[in-house]
Structure formats: C-alpha cells, structure tokens
Amino acid sequence: MANAKCESCKFFDEHKVNGAAAQNDEGLCRYNPPVSQPGPQDHGLWPVVGSADWCGHYAPELTAAE
C-alpha cells in the first residue's frame, strides 16, 4: 500500500496538457464523473486532489505504470 496515493493512479490527471499549470501538487481525479454544479448553466467539475492524497478505490492494477 506504499503506492496508495493519487499520483500513482492511472486516473490522476496532472492537468499539464495544453500548457495548463497545476497548482502545487494538485491534479484532477478522473475516476468518477464530474461533480454537478447548482445551476443548469454551470459546468460539472472534476474533483481536485493532491498527489499524495488517496482514496478507497486504490488497487495495484490501477496504477499509472500499467
């Protein structure tokens, strides 16, 4: 479980594609769909997580190295 952290998960998005800049060690969790927002015109948002965060979905077969 030493690798049980978001940065080793294949669903962790550093958000550095297309020149986007990640803040600190944050990224986006792409495991679940975006979270709905209150208004009908608002866009859904992907959860922001820290690279050292972890969740109960961790499994060795879901690591980014795969």
C-alpha atoms as a PDB file:
ATOM      1  CA  MET A   1       0.000   0.000   0.000  1.00  0.00           C
ATOM      2  CA  ALA A   2       3.041   2.281  -0.137  1.00  0.00           C
ATOM      3  CA  ASN A   3       1.930   3.464  -3.604  1.00  0.00           C
ATOM      4  CA  ALA A   4      -1.635   4.163  -2.430  1.00  0.00           C
ATOM      5  CA  LYS A   5      -1.618   7.794  -3.490  1.00  0.00           C
ATOM      6  CA  CYS A   6      -3.241   9.735  -6.272  1.00  0.00           C
ATOM      7  CA  GLU A   7      -0.053  10.440  -8.239  1.00  0.00           C
ATOM      8  CA  SER A   8       0.460   6.701  -8.830  1.00  0.00           C
ATOM      9  CA  CYS A   9      -3.142   6.159 -10.017  1.00  0.00           C
ATOM     10  CA  LYS A  10      -3.824   5.973 -13.751  1.00  0.00           C
ATOM     11  CA  PHE A  11      -6.886   8.195 -13.219  1.00  0.00           C
ATOM     12  CA  PHE A  12      -4.811  11.082 -11.776  1.00  0.00           C
ATOM     13  CA  ASP A  13      -4.576  13.942 -14.277  1.00  0.00           C
ATOM     14  CA  GLU A  14      -1.657  16.312 -13.626  1.00  0.00           C
ATOM     15  CA  HIS A  15      -3.564  18.840 -15.718  1.00  0.00           C
ATOM     16  CA  LYS A  16      -0.399  19.886 -17.534  1.00  0.00           C
ATOM     17  CA  VAL A  17      -1.686  19.087 -21.039  1.00  0.00           C
ATOM     18  CA  ASN A  18      -2.087  22.030 -23.411  1.00  0.00           C
ATOM     19  CA  GLY A  19       0.112  24.250 -21.248  1.00  0.00           C
ATOM     20  CA  ALA A  20      -2.187  24.152 -18.216  1.00  0.00           C
ATOM     21  CA  ALA A  21      -0.371  24.708 -14.949  1.00  0.00           C
ATOM     22  CA  ALA A  22      -1.096  22.596 -11.909  1.00  0.00           C
ATOM     23  CA  GLN A  23      -1.058  24.413  -8.590  1.00  0.00           C
ATOM     24  CA  ASN A  24       1.330  22.927  -6.056  1.00  0.00           C
ATOM     25  CA  ASP A  25       0.937  19.148  -6.195  1.00  0.00           C
ATOM     26  CA  GLU A  26      -2.720  19.193  -7.213  1.00  0.00           C
ATOM     27  CA  GLY A  27      -4.359  17.348 -10.061  1.00  0.00           C
ATOM     28  CA  LEU A  28      -7.762  16.125 -11.175  1.00  0.00           C
ATOM     29  CA  CYS A  29      -9.322  12.800 -10.231  1.00  0.00           C
ATOM     30  CA  ARG A  30     -10.799  11.213 -13.366  1.00  0.00           C
ATOM     31  CA  TYR A  31     -12.052   8.036 -11.654  1.00  0.00           C
ATOM     32  CA  ASN A  32     -15.643   9.232 -11.259  1.00  0.00           C
ATOM     33  CA  PRO A  33     -17.665  11.603 -13.456  1.00  0.00           C
ATOM     34  CA  PRO A  34     -17.506  15.358 -12.827  1.00  0.00           C
ATOM     35  CA  VAL A  35     -19.458  16.698  -9.860  1.00  0.00           C
ATOM     36  CA  SER A  36     -22.627  18.575 -10.807  1.00  0.00           C
ATOM     37  CA  GLN A  37     -22.922  22.255 -10.038  1.00  0.00           C
ATOM     38  CA  PRO A  38     -26.004  24.046  -8.631  1.00  0.00           C
ATOM     39  CA  GLY A  39     -27.191  25.879 -11.742  1.00  0.00           C
ATOM     40  CA  PRO A  40     -28.322  24.363 -15.054  1.00  0.00           C
ATOM     41  CA  GLN A  41     -25.853  26.562 -16.973  1.00  0.00           C
ATOM     42  CA  ASP A  42     -22.892  25.594 -14.762  1.00  0.00           C
ATOM     43  CA  HIS A  43     -20.381  23.005 -15.938  1.00  0.00           C
ATOM     44  CA  GLY A  44     -19.520  19.927 -13.913  1.00  0.00           C
ATOM     45  CA  LEU A  45     -16.120  19.929 -12.212  1.00  0.00           C
ATOM     46  CA  TRP A  46     -13.618  17.120 -11.746  1.00  0.00           C
ATOM     47  CA  PRO A  47     -12.547  16.713  -8.101  1.00  0.00           C
ATOM     48  CA  VAL A  48      -9.220  18.411  -7.315  1.00  0.00           C
ATOM     49  CA  VAL A  49      -6.875  16.164  -5.323  1.00  0.00           C
ATOM     50  CA  GLY A  50      -3.313  16.388  -4.044  1.00  0.00           C
ATOM     51  CA  SER A  51      -0.742  13.996  -5.491  1.00  0.00           C
ATOM     52  CA  ALA A  52      -0.190  12.418  -2.053  1.00  0.00           C
ATOM     53  CA  ASP A  53      -3.940  12.028  -1.369  1.00  0.00           C
ATOM     54  CA  TRP A  54      -5.537   8.594  -1.654  1.00  0.00           C
ATOM     55  CA  CYS A  55      -8.986   7.038  -1.686  1.00  0.00           C
ATOM     56  CA  GLY A  56     -10.675   3.691  -1.173  1.00  0.00           C
ATOM     57  CA  HIS A  57     -10.579   2.922  -4.896  1.00  0.00           C
ATOM     58  CA  TYR A  58      -6.827   2.252  -4.856  1.00  0.00           C
ATOM     59  CA  ALA A  59      -5.811  -1.102  -6.307  1.00  0.00           C
ATOM     60  CA  PRO A  60      -2.352  -2.063  -7.627  1.00  0.00           C
ATOM     61  CA  GLU A  61      -3.830  -2.807 -11.071  1.00  0.00           C
ATOM     62  CA  LEU A  62      -4.984   0.830 -11.365  1.00  0.00           C
ATOM     63  CA  THR A  63      -1.517   2.351 -11.107  1.00  0.00           C
ATOM     64  CA  ALA A  64      -0.267   4.719 -13.773  1.00  0.00           C
ATOM     65  CA  ALA A  65       2.567   2.349 -14.748  1.00  0.00           C
ATOM     66  CA  GLU A  66       0.070  -0.015 -16.359  1.00  0.00           C
END
